[in-house]
Structure formats: C-alpha cells, structure tokens
Amino acid sequence: MSRILAIDYGQKKCGVAVSDPLRIIASGLETVPREKLTEYLESYLDVEPVDIIVLGLPYHLDGNPAQLFGEIKNYAAELAKKFPAVTFAFQDETLTSEEAKKIILQSGARKKKRRDKSLVDKVSAVLILQQYMDSIEKR
C-alpha cells in the first residue's frame, strides 16, 4: 500500500508528515521552506510511493476561510498537474497549531524546543494527517 502525505502549508515554512505504508501511524517528516516544497515533494515521491497528498485548509473559528485558503487551493491544483497519479485531498486544520503547541508542552520538551516553530509545523502536519486518516477510516 502507498503512503499518505500531509502538508501544513505556511507563509514561510511547511510542515510535512507521512503515514506508514499500512496507513496506521502518522509521523512527522520534515519542515521545508515554502519556496522549496515542490522540489522536496519531487524528491520524496521519487523514492517513496505516495498516492494521496492532504493539504490542511485554514479556517477562522467562525467557519470562514482564512488568509492562505485560496493560495493552498491553487498550490494543490499546480501539484495535481505535476503529479497526475496522486490524489489530492483537503483537511480542516483549524487550531492544529495550538494543539501542536500543547502536545509539545506536554511532551516535556525544554523551553528552547517548545519555541521551535519548525517543530510546531511538523506536529501540525501530523495532526492534519491523523485527522484525515481518522475521517477515511469512518467512511
């Protein structure tokens, strides 16, 4: 079975997470500068079979799309042209960064590690992926 990859798309950096081949466990993979994300995905997909890429979509608490919503949709369309064999999906990422910060704090990480935005992005991508996998399991 192929992996599922998830992206927490940000203004400067993007957290990336991936499932195991059996799609049971979501693991943080990397935090990549946004301008290098496509190149990173090309390299990763050359080595690992991925058939679904999930992008987190940001919403405000009132349910309206947040600032990067349109940019993420456009980026997914670009990726779909570049990787026609991959299915693209979206997952609501509302409050994943806040939840990621709580998880990092609860892990006992030192203060310096807790302030590492790259770690927050990676954990957010894991949360997006896990929520997506949970939602497809219920179908």
N, C-alpha and C. Protein backbone atom coordinates (compact mmCIF):
# COMPACT_ATOMS: atom_id res chain seq x y z
N MET A 1 0.84 -1.19 0.00
CA MET A 1 0.00 0.00 0.00
C MET A 1 0.88 1.25 0.00
N SER A 2 0.41 2.29 -0.62
CA SER A 2 1.17 3.54 -0.67
C SER A 2 0.91 4.39 0.56
N ARG A 3 1.77 5.33 0.77
CA ARG A 3 1.67 6.24 1.91
C ARG A 3 0.72 7.40 1.61
N ILE A 4 0.30 8.05 2.68
CA ILE A 4 -0.43 9.31 2.58
C ILE A 4 0.51 10.37 3.15
N LEU A 5 0.63 11.48 2.46
CA LEU A 5 1.49 12.57 2.89
C LEU A 5 0.60 13.77 3.20
N ALA A 6 0.93 14.50 4.26
CA ALA A 6 0.15 15.68 4.63
C ALA A 6 1.07 16.89 4.72
N ILE A 7 0.49 18.05 4.39
CA ILE A 7 1.25 19.29 4.39
C ILE A 7 0.51 20.34 5.22
N ASP A 8 1.23 20.91 6.16
CA ASP A 8 0.76 22.10 6.88
C ASP A 8 1.41 23.28 6.18
N TYR A 9 0.69 23.87 5.24
CA TYR A 9 1.22 24.91 4.37
C TYR A 9 1.22 26.25 5.10
N GLY A 10 2.39 26.86 5.21
CA GLY A 10 2.51 28.13 5.91
C GLY A 10 3.09 29.22 5.02
N GLN A 11 3.10 30.42 5.55
CA GLN A 11 3.62 31.55 4.77
C GLN A 11 5.11 31.44 4.50
N LYS A 12 5.86 30.90 5.46
CA LYS A 12 7.31 30.77 5.29
C LYS A 12 7.76 29.32 5.22
N LYS A 13 7.17 28.47 6.06
CA LYS A 13 7.58 27.07 6.13
C LYS A 13 6.37 26.16 6.06
N CYS A 14 6.64 24.94 5.63
CA CYS A 14 5.57 23.94 5.52
C CYS A 14 5.99 22.69 6.28
N GLY A 15 5.14 22.27 7.19
CA GLY A 15 5.37 21.01 7.89
C GLY A 15 4.90 19.86 7.01
N VAL A 16 5.64 18.77 7.02
CA VAL A 16 5.29 17.61 6.21
C VAL A 16 5.25 16.38 7.12
N ALA A 17 4.20 15.59 6.96
CA ALA A 17 4.05 14.34 7.70
C ALA A 17 3.68 13.25 6.72
N VAL A 18 3.93 12.01 7.12
CA VAL A 18 3.65 10.88 6.23
C VAL A 18 3.15 9.70 7.06
N SER A 19 2.33 8.90 6.43
CA SER A 19 1.86 7.67 7.08
C SER A 19 2.85 6.55 6.81
N ASP A 20 2.72 5.50 7.58
CA ASP A 20 3.46 4.28 7.27
C ASP A 20 2.73 3.62 6.08
N PRO A 21 3.33 2.63 5.43
CA PRO A 21 2.68 2.01 4.26
C PRO A 21 1.31 1.39 4.56
N LEU A 22 1.07 0.97 5.80
CA LEU A 22 -0.22 0.40 6.15
C LEU A 22 -1.25 1.46 6.55
N ARG A 23 -0.82 2.70 6.59
CA ARG A 23 -1.69 3.84 6.91
C ARG A 23 -2.27 3.77 8.31
N ILE A 24 -1.44 3.37 9.24
CA ILE A 24 -1.85 3.27 10.63
C ILE A 24 -1.26 4.42 11.45
N ILE A 25 0.00 4.73 11.21
CA ILE A 25 0.73 5.70 12.03
C ILE A 25 1.10 6.93 11.20
N ALA A 26 0.84 8.10 11.75
CA ALA A 26 1.25 9.36 11.13
C ALA A 26 2.52 9.84 11.84
N SER A 27 3.54 10.17 11.06
CA SER A 27 4.82 10.62 11.63
C SER A 27 5.27 11.91 10.96
N GLY A 28 5.87 12.77 11.77
CA GLY A 28 6.45 14.00 11.23
C GLY A 28 7.64 13.66 10.37
N LEU A 29 7.74 14.32 9.24
CA LEU A 29 8.82 14.03 8.30
C LEU A 29 9.84 15.16 8.27
N GLU A 30 9.37 16.37 8.02
CA GLU A 30 10.30 17.48 7.78
C GLU A 30 9.54 18.80 7.86
N THR A 31 10.28 19.87 8.06
CA THR A 31 9.75 21.22 7.87
C THR A 31 10.59 21.84 6.76
N VAL A 32 9.90 22.30 5.72
CA VAL A 32 10.57 22.73 4.50
C VAL A 32 10.23 24.19 4.22
N PRO A 33 11.21 25.00 3.80
CA PRO A 33 10.87 26.37 3.38
C PRO A 33 9.85 26.30 2.24
N ARG A 34 8.87 27.17 2.27
CA ARG A 34 7.78 27.10 1.29
C ARG A 34 8.29 27.11 -0.15
N GLU A 35 9.29 27.92 -0.43
CA GLU A 35 9.78 28.02 -1.81
C GLU A 35 10.48 26.74 -2.28
N LYS A 36 10.81 25.83 -1.36
CA LYS A 36 11.46 24.57 -1.73
C LYS A 36 10.53 23.36 -1.61
N LEU A 37 9.27 23.60 -1.31
CA LEU A 37 8.35 22.50 -1.05
C LEU A 37 8.14 21.61 -2.27
N THR A 38 7.92 22.19 -3.43
CA THR A 38 7.69 21.38 -4.63
C THR A 38 8.91 20.52 -4.94
N GLU A 39 10.08 21.10 -4.84
CA GLU A 39 11.32 20.35 -5.07
C GLU A 39 11.44 19.20 -4.05
N TYR A 40 11.11 19.47 -2.81
CA TYR A 40 11.16 18.44 -1.77
C TYR A 40 10.19 17.30 -2.10
N LEU A 41 8.97 17.66 -2.50
CA LEU A 41 7.97 16.65 -2.84
C LEU A 41 8.41 15.81 -4.03
N GLU A 42 9.01 16.44 -5.03
CA GLU A 42 9.51 15.69 -6.19
C GLU A 42 10.52 14.64 -5.75
N SER A 43 11.46 15.05 -4.90
CA SER A 43 12.49 14.12 -4.41
C SER A 43 11.87 13.00 -3.59
N TYR A 44 10.94 13.35 -2.72
CA TYR A 44 10.34 12.33 -1.86
C TYR A 44 9.52 11.34 -2.67
N LEU A 45 8.72 11.83 -3.60
CA LEU A 45 7.87 10.96 -4.40
C LEU A 45 8.67 10.09 -5.37
N ASP A 46 9.91 10.46 -5.68
CA ASP A 46 10.79 9.62 -6.48
C ASP A 46 11.23 8.38 -5.71
N VAL A 47 11.26 8.49 -4.38
CA VAL A 47 11.78 7.42 -3.54
C VAL A 47 10.67 6.61 -2.88
N GLU A 48 9.60 7.27 -2.46
CA GLU A 48 8.52 6.62 -1.72
C GLU A 48 7.20 6.68 -2.48
N PRO A 49 6.46 5.57 -2.50
CA PRO A 49 5.15 5.61 -3.15
C PRO A 49 4.13 6.35 -2.27
N VAL A 50 3.54 7.39 -2.84
CA VAL A 50 2.51 8.19 -2.17
C VAL A 50 1.35 8.29 -3.14
N ASP A 51 0.15 7.94 -2.69
CA ASP A 51 -0.97 8.08 -3.62
C ASP A 51 -1.98 9.14 -3.19
N ILE A 52 -1.83 9.69 -1.97
CA ILE A 52 -2.69 10.79 -1.53
C ILE A 52 -1.83 11.84 -0.85
N ILE A 53 -2.03 13.08 -1.24
CA ILE A 53 -1.42 14.22 -0.54
C ILE A 53 -2.57 15.04 0.02
N VAL A 54 -2.51 15.27 1.33
CA VAL A 54 -3.53 16.03 2.04
C VAL A 54 -2.95 17.38 2.42
N LEU A 55 -3.66 18.42 2.06
CA LEU A 55 -3.25 19.77 2.45
C LEU A 55 -4.23 20.30 3.49
N GLY A 56 -3.69 20.85 4.55
CA GLY A 56 -4.53 21.46 5.57
C GLY A 56 -5.11 22.76 5.05
N LEU A 57 -6.40 22.96 5.25
CA LEU A 57 -7.06 24.21 4.86
C LEU A 57 -7.39 25.01 6.11
N PRO A 58 -6.94 26.26 6.15
CA PRO A 58 -7.18 27.08 7.33
C PRO A 58 -8.53 27.79 7.29
N TYR A 59 -9.23 27.71 8.41
CA TYR A 59 -10.50 28.41 8.57
C TYR A 59 -10.44 29.24 9.85
N HIS A 60 -11.17 30.34 9.85
CA HIS A 60 -11.35 31.10 11.08
C HIS A 60 -12.34 30.33 11.95
N LEU A 61 -12.41 30.68 13.22
CA LEU A 61 -13.31 29.99 14.13
C LEU A 61 -14.78 30.14 13.74
N ASP A 62 -15.09 31.19 12.98
CA ASP A 62 -16.48 31.38 12.54
C ASP A 62 -16.80 30.57 11.29
N GLY A 63 -15.83 29.80 10.79
CA GLY A 63 -16.06 28.94 9.64
C GLY A 63 -15.67 29.54 8.30
N ASN A 64 -15.30 30.79 8.28
CA ASN A 64 -14.88 31.43 7.03
C ASN A 64 -13.44 31.05 6.71
N PRO A 65 -13.11 30.93 5.41
CA PRO A 65 -11.74 30.61 5.01
C PRO A 65 -10.75 31.67 5.50
N ALA A 66 -9.60 31.23 5.95
CA ALA A 66 -8.54 32.13 6.42
C ALA A 66 -7.68 32.58 5.24
N GLN A 67 -6.72 33.41 5.53
CA GLN A 67 -5.89 34.10 4.54
C GLN A 67 -5.27 33.20 3.47
N LEU A 68 -4.68 32.11 3.84
CA LEU A 68 -3.95 31.26 2.88
C LEU A 68 -4.83 30.27 2.13
N PHE A 69 -6.12 30.25 2.41
CA PHE A 69 -7.04 29.27 1.83
C PHE A 69 -6.91 29.19 0.31
N GLY A 70 -7.07 30.32 -0.38
CA GLY A 70 -7.02 30.35 -1.84
C GLY A 70 -5.66 29.94 -2.38
N GLU A 71 -4.61 30.40 -1.72
CA GLU A 71 -3.25 30.05 -2.15
C GLU A 71 -3.01 28.55 -2.04
N ILE A 72 -3.53 27.93 -0.99
CA ILE A 72 -3.38 26.49 -0.81
C ILE A 72 -4.14 25.73 -1.90
N LYS A 73 -5.34 26.17 -2.20
CA LYS A 73 -6.13 25.53 -3.27
C LYS A 73 -5.39 25.63 -4.60
N ASN A 74 -4.83 26.80 -4.90
CA ASN A 74 -4.08 27.00 -6.15
C ASN A 74 -2.83 26.11 -6.18
N TYR A 75 -2.15 26.01 -5.03
CA TYR A 75 -0.95 25.18 -4.97
C TYR A 75 -1.31 23.71 -5.21
N ALA A 76 -2.42 23.27 -4.64
CA ALA A 76 -2.87 21.89 -4.86
C ALA A 76 -3.15 21.64 -6.34
N ALA A 77 -3.73 22.62 -7.02
CA ALA A 77 -4.00 22.47 -8.46
C ALA A 77 -2.70 22.36 -9.24
N GLU A 78 -1.69 23.14 -8.85
CA GLU A 78 -0.37 23.06 -9.50
C GLU A 78 0.25 21.67 -9.28
N LEU A 79 0.16 21.20 -8.04
CA LEU A 79 0.72 19.88 -7.73
C LEU A 79 -0.01 18.77 -8.48
N ALA A 80 -1.31 18.91 -8.63
CA ALA A 80 -2.10 17.90 -9.34
C ALA A 80 -1.65 17.77 -10.79
N LYS A 81 -1.24 18.87 -11.40
CA LYS A 81 -0.71 18.82 -12.77
C LYS A 81 0.66 18.15 -12.80
N LYS A 82 1.47 18.44 -11.79
CA LYS A 82 2.83 17.88 -11.73
C LYS A 82 2.84 16.39 -11.36
N PHE A 83 1.87 15.99 -10.52
CA PHE A 83 1.79 14.60 -10.06
C PHE A 83 0.41 14.03 -10.38
N PRO A 84 0.13 13.72 -11.64
CA PRO A 84 -1.22 13.29 -12.02
C PRO A 84 -1.66 11.95 -11.40
N ALA A 85 -0.72 11.14 -10.96
CA ALA A 85 -1.08 9.84 -10.37
C ALA A 85 -1.47 9.96 -8.89
N VAL A 86 -1.29 11.14 -8.32
CA VAL A 86 -1.57 11.36 -6.90
C VAL A 86 -2.94 12.00 -6.74
N THR A 87 -3.68 11.54 -5.74
CA THR A 87 -4.96 12.15 -5.39
C THR A 87 -4.70 13.25 -4.37
N PHE A 88 -5.36 14.37 -4.52
CA PHE A 88 -5.19 15.48 -3.58
C PHE A 88 -6.46 15.65 -2.78
N ALA A 89 -6.28 15.83 -1.48
CA ALA A 89 -7.42 15.99 -0.57
C ALA A 89 -7.12 17.14 0.37
N PHE A 90 -8.16 17.59 1.05
CA PHE A 90 -8.03 18.70 1.98
C PHE A 90 -8.59 18.29 3.34
N GLN A 91 -8.00 18.86 4.38
CA GLN A 91 -8.44 18.59 5.75
C GLN A 91 -8.47 19.92 6.50
N ASP A 92 -9.54 20.15 7.21
CA ASP A 92 -9.64 21.35 8.04
C ASP A 92 -8.50 21.34 9.06
N GLU A 93 -7.73 22.42 9.09
CA GLU A 93 -6.59 22.49 10.01
C GLU A 93 -6.82 23.49 11.14
N THR A 94 -8.08 23.87 11.35
CA THR A 94 -8.39 24.83 12.39
C THR A 94 -7.82 24.38 13.73
N LEU A 95 -7.06 25.25 14.34
CA LEU A 95 -6.47 25.08 15.68
C LEU A 95 -5.40 23.99 15.77
N THR A 96 -4.92 23.46 14.64
CA THR A 96 -3.88 22.43 14.75
C THR A 96 -2.58 22.98 15.32
N SER A 97 -2.24 24.23 15.00
CA SER A 97 -1.01 24.80 15.55
C SER A 97 -1.11 24.94 17.06
N GLU A 98 -2.26 25.35 17.55
CA GLU A 98 -2.45 25.47 19.00
C GLU A 98 -2.38 24.09 19.67
N GLU A 99 -3.00 23.12 19.04
CA GLU A 99 -2.97 21.76 19.58
C GLU A 99 -1.54 21.20 19.55
N ALA A 100 -0.80 21.51 18.48
CA ALA A 100 0.59 21.07 18.37
C ALA A 100 1.43 21.66 19.50
N LYS A 101 1.23 22.92 19.81
CA LYS A 101 1.97 23.57 20.91
C LYS A 101 1.67 22.88 22.23
N LYS A 102 0.42 22.52 22.46
CA LYS A 102 0.05 21.82 23.71
C LYS A 102 0.73 20.45 23.78
N ILE A 103 0.75 19.75 22.66
CA ILE A 103 1.37 18.42 22.63
C ILE A 103 2.86 18.53 22.92
N ILE A 104 3.51 19.51 22.33
CA ILE A 104 4.95 19.70 22.55
C ILE A 104 5.21 20.04 24.01
N LEU A 105 4.37 20.89 24.59
CA LEU A 105 4.50 21.25 26.01
C LEU A 105 4.31 20.02 26.89
N GLN A 106 3.29 19.23 26.60
CA GLN A 106 3.01 18.03 27.39
C GLN A 106 4.09 16.96 27.24
N SER A 107 4.85 17.04 26.17
CA SER A 107 5.90 16.04 25.95
C SER A 107 7.09 16.25 26.88
N GLY A 108 7.10 17.40 27.56
CA GLY A 108 8.21 17.69 28.46
C GLY A 108 9.39 18.33 27.77
N ALA A 109 9.19 18.78 26.54
CA ALA A 109 10.28 19.40 25.79
C ALA A 109 10.77 20.66 26.51
N ARG A 110 12.02 20.91 26.40
CA ARG A 110 12.60 22.11 27.02
C ARG A 110 12.08 23.37 26.33
N LYS A 111 12.24 24.49 27.00
CA LYS A 111 11.70 25.77 26.52
C LYS A 111 12.18 26.10 25.11
N LYS A 112 13.47 25.89 24.85
CA LYS A 112 14.02 26.20 23.52
C LYS A 112 13.32 25.36 22.44
N LYS A 113 13.11 24.10 22.73
CA LYS A 113 12.46 23.20 21.78
C LYS A 113 11.00 23.60 21.56
N ARG A 114 10.33 24.04 22.64
CA ARG A 114 8.93 24.44 22.54
C ARG A 114 8.75 25.68 21.67
N ARG A 115 9.77 26.51 21.59
CA ARG A 115 9.70 27.73 20.79
C ARG A 115 10.10 27.51 19.33
N ASP A 116 10.47 26.30 18.99
CA ASP A 116 10.90 25.96 17.64
C ASP A 116 9.68 25.86 16.72
N LYS A 117 9.45 26.88 15.91
CA LYS A 117 8.29 26.93 15.02
C LYS A 117 8.31 25.77 14.02
N SER A 118 9.49 25.33 13.63
CA SER A 118 9.60 24.20 12.70
C SER A 118 8.99 22.94 13.30
N LEU A 119 9.20 22.74 14.59
CA LEU A 119 8.63 21.58 15.26
C LEU A 119 7.11 21.69 15.31
N VAL A 120 6.60 22.89 15.58
CA VAL A 120 5.15 23.12 15.60
C VAL A 120 4.56 22.80 14.24
N ASP A 121 5.21 23.25 13.16
CA ASP A 121 4.72 22.98 11.81
C ASP A 121 4.68 21.48 11.51
N LYS A 122 5.72 20.77 11.93
CA LYS A 122 5.78 19.33 11.68
C LYS A 122 4.70 18.59 12.47
N VAL A 123 4.52 18.96 13.74
CA VAL A 123 3.49 18.32 14.56
C VAL A 123 2.10 18.67 14.02
N SER A 124 1.93 19.89 13.53
CA SER A 124 0.65 20.27 12.93
C SER A 124 0.34 19.40 11.71
N ALA A 125 1.36 19.12 10.91
CA ALA A 125 1.17 18.25 9.74
C ALA A 125 0.77 16.84 10.19
N VAL A 126 1.36 16.36 11.27
CA VAL A 126 0.98 15.05 11.81
C VAL A 126 -0.49 15.06 12.23
N LEU A 127 -0.92 16.13 12.89
CA LEU A 127 -2.32 16.23 13.31
C LEU A 127 -3.27 16.26 12.11
N ILE A 128 -2.91 17.00 11.08
CA ILE A 128 -3.72 17.07 9.86
C ILE A 128 -3.83 15.67 9.25
N LEU A 129 -2.71 14.98 9.17
CA LEU A 129 -2.71 13.62 8.60
C LEU A 129 -3.53 12.66 9.44
N GLN A 130 -3.36 12.71 10.75
CA GLN A 130 -4.10 11.80 11.62
C GLN A 130 -5.60 12.06 11.52
N GLN A 131 -6.01 13.33 11.48
CA GLN A 131 -7.42 13.66 11.34
C GLN A 131 -7.96 13.14 10.01
N TYR A 132 -7.18 13.27 8.96
CA TYR A 132 -7.60 12.76 7.65
C TYR A 132 -7.74 11.24 7.69
N MET A 133 -6.75 10.56 8.24
CA MET A 133 -6.81 9.09 8.30
C MET A 133 -7.98 8.64 9.14
N ASP A 134 -8.25 9.34 10.24
CA ASP A 134 -9.41 9.01 11.08
C ASP A 134 -10.71 9.20 10.29
N SER A 135 -10.78 10.23 9.48
CA SER A 135 -12.01 10.51 8.73
C SER A 135 -12.25 9.48 7.63
N ILE A 136 -11.20 8.98 6.98
CA ILE A 136 -11.40 7.97 5.94
C ILE A 136 -11.70 6.61 6.54
N GLU A 137 -11.21 6.39 7.75
CA GLU A 137 -11.50 5.13 8.44
C GLU A 137 -12.98 5.03 8.78
N LYS A 138 -13.60 6.17 9.07
CA LYS A 138 -15.03 6.19 9.44
C LYS A 138 -15.95 6.00 8.24
N ARG A 139 -15.43 6.22 7.03
CA ARG A 139 -16.26 6.10 5.82
C ARG A 139 -16.55 4.66 5.47
